[in-house]
Amino acid sequence: MTGRQWIMGTCLLCRRSDQLVIFIGPVEVGGLSAPVFACGDCCEWCRWVVHSYHQRLDARPAM
């Protein structure tokens, strides 16, 4: 996550406040959007989820 700054704030995923968080992207709900910040632990969990998703895609049989 180069180029982004860690700031003190609240993690949207675990909802812990007053910790270092980083911008991970916007979230959209009902046509409205807001910035999303996550702590290091939740960023690591997001990386695992994305990696696992792509491993499952790669493991699909060729058609």
Protein backbone atom coordinates (compact mmCIF):
# COMPACT_ATOMS: atom_id res chain seq x y z
CA MET A 1 0.00 0.00 0.00
CA THR A 2 2.58 2.47 -1.05
CA GLY A 3 1.80 6.15 -1.29
CA ARG A 4 -0.90 6.05 1.35
CA GLN A 5 -0.53 7.35 4.89
CA TRP A 6 -1.49 5.58 8.05
CA ILE A 7 -3.61 7.87 10.25
CA MET A 8 -5.31 7.59 13.62
CA GLY A 9 -8.94 6.66 13.15
CA THR A 10 -11.57 3.93 13.21
CA CYS A 11 -11.41 0.69 11.22
CA LEU A 12 -14.66 0.16 9.32
CA LEU A 13 -14.23 -3.63 9.45
CA CYS A 14 -13.50 -4.32 13.13
CA ARG A 15 -14.82 -0.95 14.35
CA ARG A 16 -11.94 -0.41 16.76
CA SER A 17 -11.19 3.28 17.15
CA ASP A 18 -8.13 5.36 17.97
CA GLN A 19 -5.72 3.14 16.06
CA LEU A 20 -3.63 3.39 12.93
CA VAL A 21 -5.75 2.87 9.81
CA ILE A 22 -5.18 3.27 6.08
CA PHE A 23 -7.53 4.14 3.22
CA ILE A 24 -8.51 0.94 1.39
CA GLY A 25 -11.09 2.35 -1.00
CA PRO A 26 -14.59 3.71 -1.21
CA VAL A 27 -17.76 1.86 -0.26
CA GLU A 28 -21.04 2.47 -2.10
CA VAL A 29 -24.50 2.01 -0.65
CA GLY A 30 -27.67 3.18 -2.32
CA GLY A 31 -25.82 5.43 -4.74
CA LEU A 32 -23.85 7.18 -1.99
CA SER A 33 -20.16 6.59 -1.31
CA ALA A 34 -17.77 7.14 1.58
CA PRO A 35 -14.07 6.47 2.18
CA VAL A 36 -13.16 3.22 3.97
CA PHE A 37 -10.25 2.91 6.37
CA ALA A 38 -8.94 -0.35 7.87
CA CYS A 39 -6.39 -1.32 10.51
CA GLY A 40 -3.37 -3.52 9.78
CA ASP A 41 -5.05 -6.73 11.01
CA CYS A 42 -8.11 -6.15 8.84
CA CYS A 43 -5.93 -5.23 5.84
CA GLU A 44 -4.16 -8.56 6.28
CA TRP A 45 -7.53 -10.37 6.45
CA CYS A 46 -8.67 -8.57 3.25
CA ARG A 47 -5.47 -9.67 1.50
CA TRP A 48 -6.16 -13.28 2.54
CA VAL A 49 -9.76 -13.10 1.28
CA VAL A 50 -8.70 -11.71 -2.11
CA HIS A 51 -5.85 -14.21 -2.44
CA SER A 52 -8.16 -17.12 -1.55
CA TYR A 53 -10.77 -15.94 -4.04
CA HIS A 54 -8.23 -15.86 -6.85
CA GLN A 55 -6.82 -19.26 -5.90
CA ARG A 56 -10.32 -20.72 -6.25
CA LEU A 57 -10.73 -19.03 -9.64
CA ASP A 58 -7.39 -20.39 -10.80
CA ALA A 59 -8.32 -23.91 -9.67
CA ARG A 60 -11.46 -24.07 -11.87
CA PRO A 61 -11.30 -26.64 -14.65
CA ALA A 62 -10.74 -25.28 -18.15
CA MET A 63 -13.80 -25.32 -20.36
